[in-house]
């Protein structure tokens, strides 16, 4: 599984598309949001404060995502030290 930052995803997005198999949709014009549709078992990694809402079948874990070395590397490069991992539980879209 390849991790993409929001900036990398936004470069690949148009209006309705798939990034590495993940279905998503951009809604709104002035203050757009990205709605991601995850199948059961699919995961998405975000930085702190980037998730506005989620379905009840989503499980959230906060992690260093790669150990303390990678976490400090992200911190010194201006990114968040910890990342949130969201996993869609069960069948259907999350």
C-alpha atoms as a PDB file:
ATOM      1  CA  UNK A   1       0.000   0.000   0.000  1.00  0.00           C
ATOM      2  CA  UNK A   2       1.437   3.367  -1.018  1.00  0.00           C
ATOM      3  CA  UNK A   3       0.796   6.309   1.308  1.00  0.00           C
ATOM      4  CA  UNK A   4      -0.162   9.594  -0.371  1.00  0.00           C
ATOM      5  CA  UNK A   5      -0.296  12.980   1.313  1.00  0.00           C
ATOM      6  CA  UNK A   6      -3.273  15.249   0.686  1.00  0.00           C
ATOM      7  CA  UNK A   7      -1.100  17.431  -1.558  1.00  0.00           C
ATOM      8  CA  UNK A   8      -0.079  14.416  -3.671  1.00  0.00           C
ATOM      9  CA  UNK A   9      -3.698  13.276  -3.900  1.00  0.00           C
ATOM     10  CA  UNK A  10      -4.895  16.737  -4.900  1.00  0.00           C
ATOM     11  CA  UNK A  11      -2.433  16.801  -7.803  1.00  0.00           C
ATOM     12  CA  UNK A  12      -3.988  13.584  -9.146  1.00  0.00           C
ATOM     13  CA  UNK A  13      -7.617  14.597  -8.611  1.00  0.00           C
ATOM     14  CA  UNK A  14     -10.138  15.966 -11.021  1.00  0.00           C
ATOM     15  CA  UNK A  15     -13.801  15.751 -10.072  1.00  0.00           C
ATOM     16  CA  UNK A  16     -14.478  12.013  -9.652  1.00  0.00           C
ATOM     17  CA  UNK A  17     -11.614   9.593  -9.899  1.00  0.00           C
ATOM     18  CA  UNK A  18      -9.664   6.800  -8.249  1.00  0.00           C
ATOM     19  CA  UNK A  19      -6.219   7.117  -6.681  1.00  0.00           C
ATOM     20  CA  UNK A  20      -4.549   3.722  -6.410  1.00  0.00           C
ATOM     21  CA  UNK A  21      -7.979   2.091  -6.395  1.00  0.00           C
ATOM     22  CA  UNK A  22      -9.535   4.380  -3.741  1.00  0.00           C
ATOM     23  CA  UNK A  23     -12.765   5.994  -4.879  1.00  0.00           C
ATOM     24  CA  UNK A  24     -13.263   9.630  -3.956  1.00  0.00           C
ATOM     25  CA  UNK A  25     -15.263  12.677  -4.940  1.00  0.00           C
ATOM     26  CA  UNK A  26     -14.541  16.410  -4.592  1.00  0.00           C
ATOM     27  CA  UNK A  27     -17.579  18.385  -3.414  1.00  0.00           C
ATOM     28  CA  UNK A  28     -17.937  22.156  -3.310  1.00  0.00           C
ATOM     29  CA  UNK A  29     -16.197  24.998  -5.107  1.00  0.00           C
ATOM     30  CA  UNK A  30     -15.254  27.765  -2.654  1.00  0.00           C
ATOM     31  CA  UNK A  31     -14.340  25.452   0.247  1.00  0.00           C
ATOM     32  CA  UNK A  32     -14.076  22.019  -1.373  1.00  0.00           C
ATOM     33  CA  UNK A  33     -13.880  18.767   0.563  1.00  0.00           C
ATOM     34  CA  UNK A  34     -12.732  15.331  -0.535  1.00  0.00           C
ATOM     35  CA  UNK A  35     -15.119  12.476   0.261  1.00  0.00           C
ATOM     36  CA  UNK A  36     -13.278   9.128   0.200  1.00  0.00           C
ATOM     37  CA  UNK A  37     -15.211   5.879  -0.189  1.00  0.00           C
ATOM     38  CA  UNK A  38     -13.345   2.988   1.443  1.00  0.00           C
ATOM     39  CA  UNK A  39     -14.241  -0.676   0.994  1.00  0.00           C
ATOM     40  CA  UNK A  40     -14.137  -2.962   4.054  1.00  0.00           C
ATOM     41  CA  UNK A  41     -10.519  -3.375   5.211  1.00  0.00           C
ATOM     42  CA  UNK A  42      -9.166  -0.400   3.231  1.00  0.00           C
ATOM     43  CA  UNK A  43      -7.125   2.155   5.161  1.00  0.00           C
ATOM     44  CA  UNK A  44      -6.414   5.853   4.854  1.00  0.00           C
ATOM     45  CA  UNK A  45      -3.697   7.772   6.723  1.00  0.00           C
ATOM     46  CA  UNK A  46      -4.219  11.446   7.554  1.00  0.00           C
ATOM     47  CA  UNK A  47      -2.494  14.185   9.495  1.00  0.00           C
ATOM     48  CA  UNK A  48      -3.938  15.760  12.620  1.00  0.00           C
ATOM     49  CA  UNK A  49      -7.013  17.899  12.002  1.00  0.00           C
ATOM     50  CA  UNK A  50      -7.633  16.837   8.417  1.00  0.00           C
ATOM     51  CA  UNK A  51     -10.678  14.583   9.023  1.00  0.00           C
ATOM     52  CA  UNK A  52     -13.967  16.497   9.265  1.00  0.00           C
ATOM     53  CA  UNK A  53     -16.386  13.578   9.598  1.00  0.00           C
ATOM     54  CA  UNK A  54     -16.523   9.814   9.123  1.00  0.00           C
ATOM     55  CA  UNK A  55     -18.981   6.938   8.954  1.00  0.00           C
ATOM     56  CA  UNK A  56     -19.702   4.966  12.133  1.00  0.00           C
ATOM     57  CA  UNK A  57     -17.991   1.872  10.651  1.00  0.00           C
ATOM     58  CA  UNK A  58     -14.561   3.574  10.623  1.00  0.00           C
ATOM     59  CA  UNK A  59     -11.924   2.623  13.203  1.00  0.00           C
ATOM     60  CA  UNK A  60      -9.292   5.256  14.077  1.00  0.00           C
ATOM     61  CA  UNK A  61      -5.783   4.626  15.441  1.00  0.00           C
ATOM     62  CA  UNK A  62      -3.080   7.226  16.110  1.00  0.00           C
ATOM     63  CA  UNK A  63       0.394   5.983  15.186  1.00  0.00           C
ATOM     64  CA  UNK A  64       3.948   7.075  14.439  1.00  0.00           C
ATOM     65  CA  UNK A  65       3.517   5.125  11.177  1.00  0.00           C
ATOM     66  CA  UNK A  66       6.995   3.721  10.751  1.00  0.00           C
ATOM     67  CA  UNK A  67       8.557   4.099  14.165  1.00  0.00           C
ATOM     68  CA  UNK A  68      10.003   6.938  16.178  1.00  0.00           C
ATOM     69  CA  UNK A  69      12.722   7.685  13.592  1.00  0.00           C
ATOM     70  CA  UNK A  70      10.211   8.377  10.823  1.00  0.00           C
ATOM     71  CA  UNK A  71       8.041  10.345  13.248  1.00  0.00           C
ATOM     72  CA  UNK A  72      10.934  12.675  14.140  1.00  0.00           C
ATOM     73  CA  UNK A  73      11.821  12.963  10.444  1.00  0.00           C
ATOM     74  CA  UNK A  74       8.275  14.127   9.690  1.00  0.00           C
ATOM     75  CA  UNK A  75       8.369  16.532  12.631  1.00  0.00           C
ATOM     76  CA  UNK A  76      11.628  18.175  11.492  1.00  0.00           C
ATOM     77  CA  UNK A  77      10.315  18.516   7.931  1.00  0.00           C
ATOM     78  CA  UNK A  78       7.247  20.428   9.127  1.00  0.00           C
ATOM     79  CA  UNK A  79       4.734  17.567   9.096  1.00  0.00           C
ATOM     80  CA  UNK A  80       2.876  16.112  12.057  1.00  0.00           C
ATOM     81  CA  UNK A  81       4.837  13.643  14.180  1.00  0.00           C
ATOM     82  CA  UNK A  82       1.805  11.391  14.655  1.00  0.00           C
ATOM     83  CA  UNK A  83      -0.632  10.299  11.974  1.00  0.00           C
ATOM     84  CA  UNK A  84      -4.161   8.943  12.169  1.00  0.00           C
ATOM     85  CA  UNK A  85      -4.971   5.669  10.425  1.00  0.00           C
ATOM     86  CA  UNK A  86      -8.625   5.074   9.544  1.00  0.00           C
ATOM     87  CA  UNK A  87      -9.791   1.558   8.643  1.00  0.00           C
ATOM     88  CA  UNK A  88     -13.198   0.748   7.154  1.00  0.00           C
ATOM     89  CA  UNK A  89     -14.665  -2.121   9.180  1.00  0.00           C
ATOM     90  CA  UNK A  90     -17.029  -4.667   7.648  1.00  0.00           C
ATOM     91  CA  UNK A  91     -18.488  -4.682   4.172  1.00  0.00           C
ATOM     92  CA  UNK A  92     -19.774  -1.818   2.102  1.00  0.00           C
ATOM     93  CA  UNK A  93     -18.427   1.674   1.727  1.00  0.00           C
ATOM     94  CA  UNK A  94     -17.065   3.626   4.700  1.00  0.00           C
END
